[in-house]
């Protein structure tokens, strides 16, 4: 759970919902130059979503668990389509905004605090596997998904292979691929107004490593769509 005083994203989307002037969220990482994130992104409509997300929502079926639901843009679209969705997020403020936006079943917590199966679809969008933080964490995350899936259920997730960050202009990789730390294990910190988050780990998993880990614990793996910049959408199935 993220408390309000440590939650730049939650504060930013609350300010936007309340009609206040908002600034960009500053994103600092250990692999790239500082970036910014516009709070409006968390309120995007279906038409404003990236193609991978639109495609993923079209593949959703049955009872749904939306992990890291944010301000609720995915769950609201799915509820509009008549689906039963449990929307979870570790941000107290984000869940409050989901409630105000009319999300029917929001919950503060992470996926390991969900005990009520069974779900036909688990959504991990906006690089949802990031919450695993490490490759070891990814295995634990997928094992938890496995526990929560109904027979014949699916996990829909998108991620990116960020090896391109470690390539020079000729395409040579200057990251030590034999290092103990996987190159997709990133450390972030976020800033908004006078609020700063604690540093936290975040995972970007290439499709090949995701497939290997998923298959090692009994999932079927399908790469169902590739994006334009090293990103992809995958489906994991079990039973």
Protein backbone atom coordinates (compact mmCIF):
# COMPACT_ATOMS: atom_id res chain seq x y z
CA UNK A 1 0.00 0.00 0.00
CA UNK A 2 1.26 3.49 -0.87
CA UNK A 3 0.39 6.18 1.66
CA UNK A 4 -0.73 9.56 0.25
CA UNK A 5 2.38 11.39 1.47
CA UNK A 6 4.59 9.05 -0.62
CA UNK A 7 2.38 8.89 -3.72
CA UNK A 8 3.21 11.44 -6.46
CA UNK A 9 0.99 9.71 -9.04
CA UNK A 10 -1.95 9.49 -6.65
CA UNK A 11 -1.63 13.17 -5.76
CA UNK A 12 -1.34 14.20 -9.40
CA UNK A 13 -4.42 12.29 -10.55
CA UNK A 14 -6.36 13.60 -7.53
CA UNK A 15 -5.42 17.17 -8.43
CA UNK A 16 -6.49 16.61 -12.01
CA UNK A 17 -9.79 15.05 -10.97
CA UNK A 18 -10.47 17.99 -8.66
CA UNK A 19 -9.83 20.47 -11.46
CA UNK A 20 -6.61 21.89 -10.06
CA UNK A 21 -3.64 22.98 -12.15
CA UNK A 22 -1.29 20.05 -12.51
CA UNK A 23 2.34 19.74 -13.48
CA UNK A 24 4.17 16.83 -15.02
CA UNK A 25 5.38 13.98 -12.83
CA UNK A 26 9.17 13.78 -12.87
CA UNK A 27 10.51 10.26 -13.43
CA UNK A 28 14.10 9.48 -12.39
CA UNK A 29 15.71 6.11 -13.15
CA UNK A 30 19.13 4.46 -13.04
CA UNK A 31 19.14 3.55 -16.75
CA UNK A 32 18.09 6.66 -18.65
CA UNK A 33 17.86 10.43 -18.51
CA UNK A 34 15.10 11.97 -16.42
CA UNK A 35 11.66 11.84 -18.04
CA UNK A 36 8.20 13.25 -17.33
CA UNK A 37 4.75 11.70 -17.15
CA UNK A 38 1.56 13.65 -17.83
CA UNK A 39 -1.21 12.96 -15.25
CA UNK A 40 -3.77 13.18 -18.08
CA UNK A 41 -2.40 9.83 -19.30
CA UNK A 42 -4.16 8.05 -16.45
CA UNK A 43 -7.53 9.34 -17.68
CA UNK A 44 -7.18 8.39 -21.33
CA UNK A 45 -10.23 7.17 -23.23
CA UNK A 46 -10.22 3.97 -25.26
CA UNK A 47 -9.51 5.99 -28.41
CA UNK A 48 -6.46 7.57 -26.73
CA UNK A 49 -4.94 4.28 -25.59
CA UNK A 50 -1.92 2.76 -27.33
CA UNK A 51 -2.77 0.14 -29.93
CA UNK A 52 -1.44 -2.71 -27.76
CA UNK A 53 -3.82 -1.76 -24.93
CA UNK A 54 -6.79 -1.46 -27.28
CA UNK A 55 -5.97 -4.86 -28.73
CA UNK A 56 -5.61 -6.38 -25.25
CA UNK A 57 -8.99 -5.09 -24.08
CA UNK A 58 -10.55 -6.71 -27.10
CA UNK A 59 -9.17 -10.08 -25.94
CA UNK A 60 -10.58 -9.86 -22.41
CA UNK A 61 -13.23 -12.39 -21.44
CA UNK A 62 -15.15 -13.56 -18.39
CA UNK A 63 -14.48 -12.37 -14.87
CA UNK A 64 -11.54 -9.96 -14.80
CA UNK A 65 -8.81 -8.89 -12.38
CA UNK A 66 -7.22 -5.57 -13.40
CA UNK A 67 -3.89 -5.27 -11.57
CA UNK A 68 -2.48 -1.76 -11.06
CA UNK A 69 -5.70 -0.17 -12.26
CA UNK A 70 -4.60 3.42 -11.57
CA UNK A 71 -7.41 5.90 -12.20
CA UNK A 72 -9.49 3.16 -13.82
CA UNK A 73 -9.26 3.81 -17.56
CA UNK A 74 -9.15 0.10 -18.48
CA UNK A 75 -11.76 -1.08 -15.99
CA UNK A 76 -14.22 1.65 -16.94
CA UNK A 77 -13.98 0.61 -20.59
CA UNK A 78 -14.49 -3.04 -19.66
CA UNK A 79 -17.45 -2.25 -17.39
CA UNK A 80 -18.93 -0.28 -20.28
CA UNK A 81 -18.77 -3.57 -22.19
CA UNK A 82 -20.68 -5.34 -19.42
CA UNK A 83 -17.78 -7.14 -17.75
CA UNK A 84 -17.35 -8.00 -14.07
CA UNK A 85 -14.00 -6.53 -12.97
CA UNK A 86 -12.09 -6.40 -9.69
CA UNK A 87 -9.76 -3.38 -9.98
CA UNK A 88 -6.82 -3.29 -7.58
CA UNK A 89 -4.09 -0.75 -6.92
CA UNK A 90 -1.64 -0.18 -4.08
CA UNK A 91 -2.32 3.58 -4.19
CA UNK A 92 -4.98 4.71 -1.70
CA UNK A 93 -5.56 7.92 -3.65
CA UNK A 94 -5.92 6.08 -6.96
CA UNK A 95 -8.57 3.78 -5.54
CA UNK A 96 -10.42 6.80 -4.14
CA UNK A 97 -10.47 8.35 -7.61
CA UNK A 98 -11.69 5.08 -9.14
CA UNK A 99 -14.58 5.11 -6.68
CA UNK A 100 -15.42 8.72 -7.60
CA UNK A 101 -15.32 7.83 -11.29
CA UNK A 102 -17.87 5.07 -10.76
CA UNK A 103 -15.70 1.95 -10.84
CA UNK A 104 -17.92 -0.70 -9.32
CA UNK A 105 -15.42 -2.90 -7.50
CA UNK A 106 -12.14 -1.17 -6.60
CA UNK A 107 -9.77 -2.45 -3.91
CA UNK A 108 -6.62 -1.12 -2.23
CA UNK A 109 -3.96 -3.81 -2.30
CA UNK A 110 -1.63 -5.83 -4.47
CA UNK A 111 -2.23 -9.08 -6.29
CA UNK A 112 -0.86 -11.13 -3.39
CA UNK A 113 -3.69 -9.80 -1.21
CA UNK A 114 -6.34 -11.15 -3.58
CA UNK A 115 -7.69 -14.50 -2.43
CA UNK A 116 -11.03 -14.66 -4.18
CA UNK A 117 -10.66 -16.59 -7.42
CA UNK A 118 -11.33 -17.56 -9.98
CA UNK A 119 -10.68 -15.09 -12.79
CA UNK A 120 -11.00 -15.79 -16.48
CA UNK A 121 -8.69 -12.89 -17.36
CA UNK A 122 -5.94 -11.20 -15.37
CA UNK A 123 -4.76 -7.90 -16.85
CA UNK A 124 -1.22 -6.63 -16.32
CA UNK A 125 -1.14 -3.65 -18.68
CA UNK A 126 1.09 -0.56 -18.83
CA UNK A 127 4.07 -2.88 -18.35
CA UNK A 128 2.18 -4.56 -15.53
CA UNK A 129 4.94 -7.12 -14.93
CA UNK A 130 6.94 -4.18 -13.63
CA UNK A 131 5.46 -4.77 -10.19
CA UNK A 132 7.52 -7.98 -9.99
CA UNK A 133 10.68 -5.82 -9.74
CA UNK A 134 13.07 -8.70 -10.52
CA UNK A 135 13.11 -11.93 -12.50
CA UNK A 136 12.73 -13.89 -9.25
CA UNK A 137 9.78 -11.68 -8.41
CA UNK A 138 8.31 -12.34 -11.85
CA UNK A 139 8.19 -16.05 -11.15
CA UNK A 140 6.36 -15.41 -7.86
CA UNK A 141 3.95 -13.03 -9.58
CA UNK A 142 3.09 -15.58 -12.26
CA UNK A 143 2.64 -18.31 -9.65
CA UNK A 144 0.13 -16.06 -7.89
CA UNK A 145 -1.67 -15.45 -11.18
CA UNK A 146 -1.82 -19.20 -11.67
CA UNK A 147 -3.55 -19.59 -8.28
CA UNK A 148 -6.14 -16.96 -9.17
CA UNK A 149 -7.04 -18.15 -12.67
CA UNK A 150 -10.10 -20.18 -13.48
CA UNK A 151 -9.58 -23.32 -15.59
CA UNK A 152 -8.83 -22.16 -19.12
CA UNK A 153 -8.05 -18.66 -17.86
CA UNK A 154 -5.58 -16.20 -19.35
CA UNK A 155 -3.11 -13.53 -18.30
CA UNK A 156 -2.80 -10.61 -20.72
CA UNK A 157 0.30 -8.50 -20.21
CA UNK A 158 2.50 -6.07 -22.04
CA UNK A 159 6.15 -5.24 -21.50
CA UNK A 160 9.24 -4.05 -23.34
CA UNK A 161 12.72 -5.35 -23.97
CA UNK A 162 14.90 -2.38 -22.97
CA UNK A 163 18.17 -3.83 -24.26
CA UNK A 164 18.09 -0.98 -26.80
CA UNK A 165 19.09 1.39 -23.97
CA UNK A 166 22.45 -0.38 -23.86
CA UNK A 167 23.21 -0.40 -27.59
CA UNK A 168 25.48 2.00 -29.41
CA UNK A 169 24.78 3.45 -32.85
CA UNK A 170 26.19 0.32 -34.52
CA UNK A 171 23.93 -1.95 -32.48
CA UNK A 172 26.65 -3.32 -30.20
CA UNK A 173 25.49 -4.03 -26.65
CA UNK A 174 27.60 -2.48 -23.89
CA UNK A 175 25.77 -4.10 -20.96
CA UNK A 176 27.42 -7.13 -19.37
CA UNK A 177 24.86 -9.82 -20.17
CA UNK A 178 26.61 -12.16 -17.72
CA UNK A 179 25.96 -9.76 -14.82
CA UNK A 180 23.97 -11.08 -11.86
CA UNK A 181 21.36 -8.37 -12.35
CA UNK A 182 19.08 -8.64 -15.39
CA UNK A 183 19.28 -5.50 -17.53
CA UNK A 184 15.52 -5.00 -17.32
CA UNK A 185 15.61 -4.57 -13.53
CA UNK A 186 15.34 -0.79 -13.11
CA UNK A 187 15.22 1.51 -10.09
CA UNK A 188 12.83 4.49 -10.20
CA UNK A 189 11.87 7.47 -8.09
CA UNK A 190 8.94 9.81 -8.82
CA UNK A 191 8.42 13.48 -7.94
CA UNK A 192 5.32 15.70 -8.10
CA UNK A 193 5.08 19.13 -6.46
CA UNK A 194 6.53 18.58 -2.98
CA UNK A 195 5.83 14.84 -2.91
CA UNK A 196 8.48 12.24 -3.68
CA UNK A 197 8.19 8.49 -3.72
CA UNK A 198 10.57 6.07 -2.16
CA UNK A 199 12.95 4.46 -4.65
CA UNK A 200 11.41 1.29 -6.06
CA UNK A 201 12.34 -1.52 -8.38
CA UNK A 202 10.56 -2.05 -11.68
CA UNK A 203 10.93 -4.84 -14.23
CA UNK A 204 10.98 -4.76 -18.02
CA UNK A 205 10.94 -8.33 -19.29
CA UNK A 206 11.92 -9.27 -22.82
CA UNK A 207 9.56 -11.71 -24.49
CA UNK A 208 12.08 -14.56 -24.52
CA UNK A 209 12.80 -14.42 -20.77
CA UNK A 210 9.09 -14.05 -19.99
CA UNK A 211 8.31 -17.09 -22.12
CA UNK A 212 11.00 -19.15 -20.39
CA UNK A 213 9.81 -18.29 -16.89
CA UNK A 214 6.14 -18.75 -17.78
CA UNK A 215 6.73 -22.16 -19.35
CA UNK A 216 8.89 -23.27 -16.41
CA UNK A 217 5.83 -23.05 -14.14
CA UNK A 218 3.35 -24.58 -16.54
CA UNK A 219 1.94 -21.66 -18.50
CA UNK A 220 1.41 -21.67 -22.21
CA UNK A 221 2.91 -18.59 -23.86
CA UNK A 222 1.70 -16.72 -26.93
CA UNK A 223 3.16 -13.52 -28.32
CA UNK A 224 -0.02 -12.02 -29.73
CA UNK A 225 1.09 -8.55 -30.85
CA UNK A 226 4.30 -6.57 -31.17
CA UNK A 227 4.51 -2.80 -30.88
CA UNK A 228 6.64 -0.36 -32.78
CA UNK A 229 9.40 0.09 -30.22
CA UNK A 230 10.51 -3.15 -28.55
CA UNK A 231 7.15 -3.52 -26.79
CA UNK A 232 4.81 -6.48 -27.04
CA UNK A 233 1.58 -8.03 -25.78
CA UNK A 234 1.58 -11.63 -24.59
CA UNK A 235 -1.02 -14.12 -23.44
CA UNK A 236 -0.31 -16.75 -20.80
CA UNK A 237 -2.76 -19.63 -20.48
CA UNK A 238 -3.20 -22.42 -17.97
CA UNK A 239 -5.54 -25.38 -17.87
